[in-house]
């Protein structure tokens, strides 16, 4: 049985007008642009969306407005991670009420839970919330991750439907691929965008690339080529993915990846580059470097000397 979640599910940025104030016009531009690019679905309130820095009220507003703007054209996945379980369940309930298709849970940050606690948390979420659930590993930010044995045990929960892996550990991803053979329809998505094609070739089902916000068609095409086993086409597109990925090396800040994505989107006229406080935007030198990379990738017209 094939996974019903095949393809690219970009992790949206959260456009901001001011402190705890959403830019809904920019959110509509962002959505229309990536839906037109052929994505399989969208993911809001993830790391790229700066979810940990948004108030509960603003997160619920983002869920409501995003579902309204999407109008059922593609599935909506909603991040529900919080240090407070009650808040996670509240966002999950809001997502269900607004017509989202699934929720996404990573390891709560600050206090690192052990595997027994993570298993209990996942079981509590699916017992007390109405939507299917994806697990999400991104240990660089959360200090811990859902371990292989924990995930294997959680396969008995019918409404835990898959996992997004942003660990960057290819050996670990290959081991996670074994679980797709144990549970028909279970979905495995790759986080790091430069590894999406390799992840699909290994047995994954797609990816959650932030770069798809900048160049949606590129990532849709490489994922489709990988799913079709078209390795010559993958090789051509992989070079383009790696060329665009230079924007992530412009800043060595811990959140430099997310700053770079917002900066690129601001240069493309999608949204402001304002970050959720306390994060600051990239400086002008860094912004100019990203502009040059977008020009070299033919996403912006080259300026006359």
Protein backbone atom coordinates (compact mmCIF):
# COMPACT_ATOMS: atom_id res chain seq x y z
CA UNK A 1 0.00 0.00 0.00
CA UNK A 2 1.44 3.37 -1.03
CA UNK A 3 1.57 6.29 1.35
CA UNK A 4 -1.19 8.84 0.66
CA UNK A 5 1.32 11.58 1.57
CA UNK A 6 3.62 11.61 -1.45
CA UNK A 7 5.57 14.67 -2.54
CA UNK A 8 6.58 18.06 -1.22
CA UNK A 9 5.01 19.68 1.86
CA UNK A 10 6.77 23.05 2.33
CA UNK A 11 7.14 24.40 5.89
CA UNK A 12 5.67 27.90 5.60
CA UNK A 13 7.24 30.96 7.17
CA UNK A 14 4.96 33.06 9.37
CA UNK A 15 4.74 36.54 7.77
CA UNK A 16 4.70 39.28 10.40
CA UNK A 17 3.71 42.94 10.32
CA UNK A 18 4.80 43.60 13.88
CA UNK A 19 5.18 41.98 17.25
CA UNK A 20 2.61 39.18 17.43
CA UNK A 21 0.81 40.58 14.36
CA UNK A 22 0.30 38.40 11.30
CA UNK A 23 0.59 39.70 7.75
CA UNK A 24 -2.37 37.90 6.18
CA UNK A 25 -1.92 39.47 2.75
CA UNK A 26 1.61 38.07 2.66
CA UNK A 27 0.33 34.70 3.85
CA UNK A 28 -2.06 34.63 0.92
CA UNK A 29 0.76 35.48 -1.51
CA UNK A 30 2.92 32.74 -0.01
CA UNK A 31 0.14 30.16 -0.28
CA UNK A 32 -0.91 31.01 -3.82
CA UNK A 33 2.69 30.90 -4.99
CA UNK A 34 3.49 27.46 -3.63
CA UNK A 35 0.12 25.92 -4.49
CA UNK A 36 0.64 27.11 -8.07
CA UNK A 37 4.04 25.42 -7.93
CA UNK A 38 2.38 22.02 -7.54
CA UNK A 39 3.12 21.14 -3.91
CA UNK A 40 1.36 18.14 -2.37
CA UNK A 41 0.41 20.02 0.80
CA UNK A 42 1.62 22.60 3.29
CA UNK A 43 2.99 22.55 6.83
CA UNK A 44 2.44 25.51 9.15
CA UNK A 45 3.78 26.19 12.65
CA UNK A 46 7.00 24.27 12.22
CA UNK A 47 10.55 25.46 12.83
CA UNK A 48 10.60 27.55 9.64
CA UNK A 49 7.34 29.09 10.83
CA UNK A 50 9.00 30.18 14.11
CA UNK A 51 6.18 28.50 16.02
CA UNK A 52 7.95 28.49 19.43
CA UNK A 53 8.17 32.30 19.30
CA UNK A 54 4.47 32.91 18.54
CA UNK A 55 1.74 33.39 21.11
CA UNK A 56 -0.94 30.73 21.42
CA UNK A 57 -3.54 33.21 20.18
CA UNK A 58 -1.49 34.03 17.08
CA UNK A 59 -0.86 30.39 16.30
CA UNK A 60 -4.58 29.68 16.39
CA UNK A 61 -5.23 32.69 14.17
CA UNK A 62 -2.66 31.40 11.69
CA UNK A 63 -4.36 27.99 11.60
CA UNK A 64 -7.76 29.56 11.05
CA UNK A 65 -6.66 31.97 8.34
CA UNK A 66 -4.45 29.48 6.52
CA UNK A 67 -7.24 26.92 6.28
CA UNK A 68 -9.57 29.65 5.04
CA UNK A 69 -7.11 30.75 2.36
CA UNK A 70 -6.24 27.21 1.23
CA UNK A 71 -9.93 26.36 0.71
CA UNK A 72 -9.28 22.62 0.68
CA UNK A 73 -7.02 22.72 -2.40
CA UNK A 74 -4.17 20.88 -0.65
CA UNK A 75 -3.82 19.18 2.74
CA UNK A 76 -2.80 21.37 5.67
CA UNK A 77 -0.47 19.97 8.34
CA UNK A 78 -0.32 21.91 11.61
CA UNK A 79 2.54 21.89 14.09
CA UNK A 80 1.24 21.51 17.65
CA UNK A 81 4.49 21.27 19.63
CA UNK A 82 4.56 23.24 22.86
CA UNK A 83 6.19 22.96 26.26
CA UNK A 84 2.62 22.83 27.62
CA UNK A 85 0.55 19.75 26.69
CA UNK A 86 -2.71 21.66 27.16
CA UNK A 87 -1.59 24.17 24.53
CA UNK A 88 -0.65 21.38 22.11
CA UNK A 89 -4.11 19.87 22.49
CA UNK A 90 -5.75 23.28 22.10
CA UNK A 91 -3.96 23.90 18.79
CA UNK A 92 -4.81 20.36 17.66
CA UNK A 93 -8.47 21.01 18.40
CA UNK A 94 -8.34 24.30 16.51
CA UNK A 95 -6.72 22.55 13.53
CA UNK A 96 -9.50 19.98 13.45
CA UNK A 97 -12.21 22.62 13.76
CA UNK A 98 -10.76 24.62 10.85
CA UNK A 99 -10.47 21.67 8.47
CA UNK A 100 -6.75 20.79 8.63
CA UNK A 101 -5.86 17.23 7.68
CA UNK A 102 -3.14 16.31 10.19
CA UNK A 103 -1.03 17.57 13.07
CA UNK A 104 2.74 17.38 13.59
CA UNK A 105 4.46 16.82 16.94
CA UNK A 106 8.14 17.18 17.71
CA UNK A 107 9.89 16.74 21.05
CA UNK A 108 8.93 19.49 23.53
CA UNK A 109 11.90 21.76 24.04
CA UNK A 110 13.67 22.90 27.25
CA UNK A 111 13.20 19.84 29.51
CA UNK A 112 14.48 16.86 27.46
CA UNK A 113 12.03 13.96 27.95
CA UNK A 114 13.13 10.33 27.86
CA UNK A 115 11.74 7.75 25.45
CA UNK A 116 9.05 6.51 27.83
CA UNK A 117 7.80 10.07 28.23
CA UNK A 118 7.85 10.68 24.47
CA UNK A 119 5.87 7.51 23.83
CA UNK A 120 3.33 8.49 26.48
CA UNK A 121 3.07 11.99 25.02
CA UNK A 122 2.37 10.73 21.50
CA UNK A 123 -0.25 8.28 22.77
CA UNK A 124 -1.92 11.04 24.80
CA UNK A 125 -2.06 13.35 21.78
CA UNK A 126 -3.73 10.78 19.51
CA UNK A 127 -6.11 9.72 22.28
CA UNK A 128 -7.24 13.27 23.10
CA UNK A 129 -7.17 15.01 19.71
CA UNK A 130 -9.18 14.21 16.58
CA UNK A 131 -6.65 14.45 13.76
CA UNK A 132 -3.98 12.03 12.51
CA UNK A 133 -0.49 12.77 13.79
CA UNK A 134 2.97 12.96 12.25
CA UNK A 135 5.98 12.66 14.55
CA UNK A 136 8.85 15.06 13.85
CA UNK A 137 12.52 14.71 14.76
CA UNK A 138 14.74 17.80 14.77
CA UNK A 139 17.20 17.13 17.62
CA UNK A 140 19.45 20.11 16.84
CA UNK A 141 16.75 22.30 18.42
CA UNK A 142 14.96 19.93 20.79
CA UNK A 143 17.93 18.03 22.34
CA UNK A 144 16.13 14.69 21.97
CA UNK A 145 14.25 12.71 19.33
CA UNK A 146 11.73 9.90 18.98
CA UNK A 147 13.99 6.84 18.95
CA UNK A 148 13.65 3.97 16.49
CA UNK A 149 12.25 1.54 19.07
CA UNK A 150 9.82 4.16 20.32
CA UNK A 151 8.57 4.82 16.80
CA UNK A 152 8.28 1.08 16.16
CA UNK A 153 6.09 0.66 19.24
CA UNK A 154 3.96 3.61 18.18
CA UNK A 155 3.14 1.89 14.88
CA UNK A 156 0.25 0.25 16.76
CA UNK A 157 -1.44 3.67 16.99
CA UNK A 158 -3.50 3.83 13.79
CA UNK A 159 -3.71 7.62 13.84
CA UNK A 160 0.06 8.10 14.07
CA UNK A 161 0.56 8.12 10.34
CA UNK A 162 4.21 8.94 9.77
CA UNK A 163 7.35 10.83 10.67
CA UNK A 164 9.28 13.82 9.38
CA UNK A 165 13.01 13.41 9.97
CA UNK A 166 15.14 16.55 10.10
CA UNK A 167 18.04 14.97 11.93
CA UNK A 168 20.27 14.96 8.84
CA UNK A 169 21.41 11.47 9.85
CA UNK A 170 21.15 9.42 6.65
CA UNK A 171 22.01 6.15 8.40
CA UNK A 172 19.19 6.79 10.86
CA UNK A 173 16.83 7.62 8.01
CA UNK A 174 17.67 4.33 6.30
CA UNK A 175 16.74 2.52 9.49
CA UNK A 176 13.46 4.45 9.70
CA UNK A 177 12.72 3.25 6.17
CA UNK A 178 12.46 -0.27 7.61
CA UNK A 179 9.36 0.83 9.50
CA UNK A 180 7.52 1.64 6.29
CA UNK A 181 7.56 -2.10 5.55
CA UNK A 182 5.93 -2.90 8.89
CA UNK A 183 2.97 -0.54 8.59
CA UNK A 184 1.13 -0.19 5.24
CA UNK A 185 0.48 3.44 4.38
CA UNK A 186 2.93 4.79 6.97
CA UNK A 187 4.73 7.90 5.68
CA UNK A 188 8.35 8.96 6.02
CA UNK A 189 9.31 12.50 4.96
CA UNK A 190 12.81 13.97 4.71
CA UNK A 191 13.51 17.37 6.25
CA UNK A 192 16.93 18.48 4.90
CA UNK A 193 16.23 19.55 1.33
CA UNK A 194 19.59 18.48 -0.10
CA UNK A 195 18.78 14.90 1.00
CA UNK A 196 15.21 14.63 -0.33
CA UNK A 197 16.13 12.73 -3.49
CA UNK A 198 18.37 10.35 -1.54
CA UNK A 199 15.65 9.88 1.04
CA UNK A 200 13.07 8.99 -1.61
CA UNK A 201 15.52 6.61 -3.29
CA UNK A 202 16.00 4.90 0.08
CA UNK A 203 12.26 4.36 0.57
CA UNK A 204 10.93 7.71 1.82
CA UNK A 205 7.84 9.36 0.39
CA UNK A 206 8.81 13.00 -0.05
CA UNK A 207 10.06 15.95 1.89
CA UNK A 208 9.43 19.16 3.79
CA UNK A 209 11.92 21.57 2.17
CA UNK A 210 12.06 25.22 3.18
CA UNK A 211 13.62 25.95 -0.21
CA UNK A 212 10.28 25.09 -1.82
CA UNK A 213 8.98 28.41 -0.50
CA UNK A 214 11.61 30.12 -2.66
CA UNK A 215 11.55 27.85 -5.71
CA UNK A 216 8.53 25.52 -5.42
CA UNK A 217 8.73 24.01 -8.90
CA UNK A 218 12.35 22.93 -8.42
CA UNK A 219 11.56 20.88 -5.34
CA UNK A 220 8.34 19.48 -6.77
CA UNK A 221 10.26 18.37 -9.85
CA UNK A 222 13.16 16.75 -7.99
CA UNK A 223 10.77 14.88 -5.72
CA UNK A 224 8.74 13.64 -8.68
CA UNK A 225 11.90 12.58 -10.51
CA UNK A 226 13.12 10.72 -7.43
CA UNK A 227 9.78 8.96 -6.98
CA UNK A 228 9.89 7.97 -10.66
CA UNK A 229 13.47 6.68 -10.33
CA UNK A 230 14.70 9.13 -12.99
CA UNK A 231 18.28 9.47 -11.73
CA UNK A 232 19.66 11.52 -14.66
CA UNK A 233 16.95 14.13 -14.07
CA UNK A 234 17.57 13.99 -10.32
CA UNK A 235 21.27 14.69 -10.88
CA UNK A 236 20.51 17.82 -12.93
CA UNK A 237 18.01 19.13 -10.39
CA UNK A 238 20.23 18.26 -7.41
CA UNK A 239 22.85 20.69 -8.68
CA UNK A 240 20.21 23.43 -8.72
CA UNK A 241 19.09 22.52 -5.19
CA UNK A 242 22.68 22.75 -3.96
CA UNK A 243 23.22 26.07 -5.74
CA UNK A 244 20.16 27.58 -4.05
CA UNK A 245 21.24 26.06 -0.75
CA UNK A 246 24.18 28.45 -0.60
CA UNK A 247 21.84 30.96 1.00
CA UNK A 248 21.94 28.90 4.19
CA UNK A 249 25.67 29.43 4.56
CA UNK A 250 25.45 33.21 4.42
CA UNK A 251 24.88 33.47 8.18
CA UNK A 252 26.36 31.27 10.91
CA UNK A 253 23.58 32.23 13.33
CA UNK A 254 21.79 29.28 14.96
CA UNK A 255 18.60 30.30 13.17
CA UNK A 256 20.43 31.40 10.02
CA UNK A 257 18.51 28.97 7.80
CA UNK A 258 15.17 30.48 8.72
CA UNK A 259 16.49 34.04 8.48
CA UNK A 260 17.82 33.26 5.00
CA UNK A 261 14.47 31.90 3.82
CA UNK A 262 12.59 34.96 5.04
CA UNK A 263 15.20 37.26 3.56
CA UNK A 264 14.91 35.51 0.18
CA UNK A 265 11.12 35.73 0.29
CA UNK A 266 11.31 39.45 1.05
CA UNK A 267 13.58 39.94 -1.98
CA UNK A 268 11.06 38.00 -4.08
CA UNK A 269 8.24 40.27 -2.87
CA UNK A 270 6.38 37.57 -0.93
CA UNK A 271 6.63 38.89 2.64
CA UNK A 272 8.68 41.08 4.94
CA UNK A 273 11.79 39.56 6.45
CA UNK A 274 10.74 40.51 9.99
CA UNK A 275 11.50 37.69 12.42
CA UNK A 276 9.59 36.85 15.58
CA UNK A 277 11.41 38.51 18.47
CA UNK A 278 14.02 38.15 19.85
CA UNK A 279 15.45 37.10 16.45
CA UNK A 280 16.63 39.88 14.15
CA UNK A 281 16.78 40.04 10.36
CA UNK A 282 19.99 39.47 8.43
CA UNK A 283 22.17 42.53 8.00
CA UNK A 284 22.54 44.39 4.69
CA UNK A 285 25.77 42.62 3.73
CA UNK A 286 24.12 39.23 4.22
CA UNK A 287 21.01 40.39 2.40
CA UNK A 288 23.13 41.43 -0.57
CA UNK A 289 24.81 38.01 -0.64
CA UNK A 290 21.42 36.30 -0.76
CA UNK A 291 20.30 38.64 -3.52
CA UNK A 292 23.33 37.63 -5.59
CA UNK A 293 22.60 33.93 -5.08
CA UNK A 294 18.97 34.41 -6.18
CA UNK A 295 20.21 36.25 -9.27
CA UNK A 296 22.65 33.44 -10.08
CA UNK A 297 19.81 30.92 -9.67
CA UNK A 298 17.73 33.06 -12.08
CA UNK A 299 15.06 33.70 -9.47
CA UNK A 300 15.72 37.45 -9.63
CA UNK A 301 16.73 39.44 -12.71
CA UNK A 302 20.40 40.32 -12.75
CA UNK A 303 21.01 43.99 -12.06
CA UNK A 304 22.85 46.11 -14.59
CA UNK A 305 26.45 46.97 -13.56
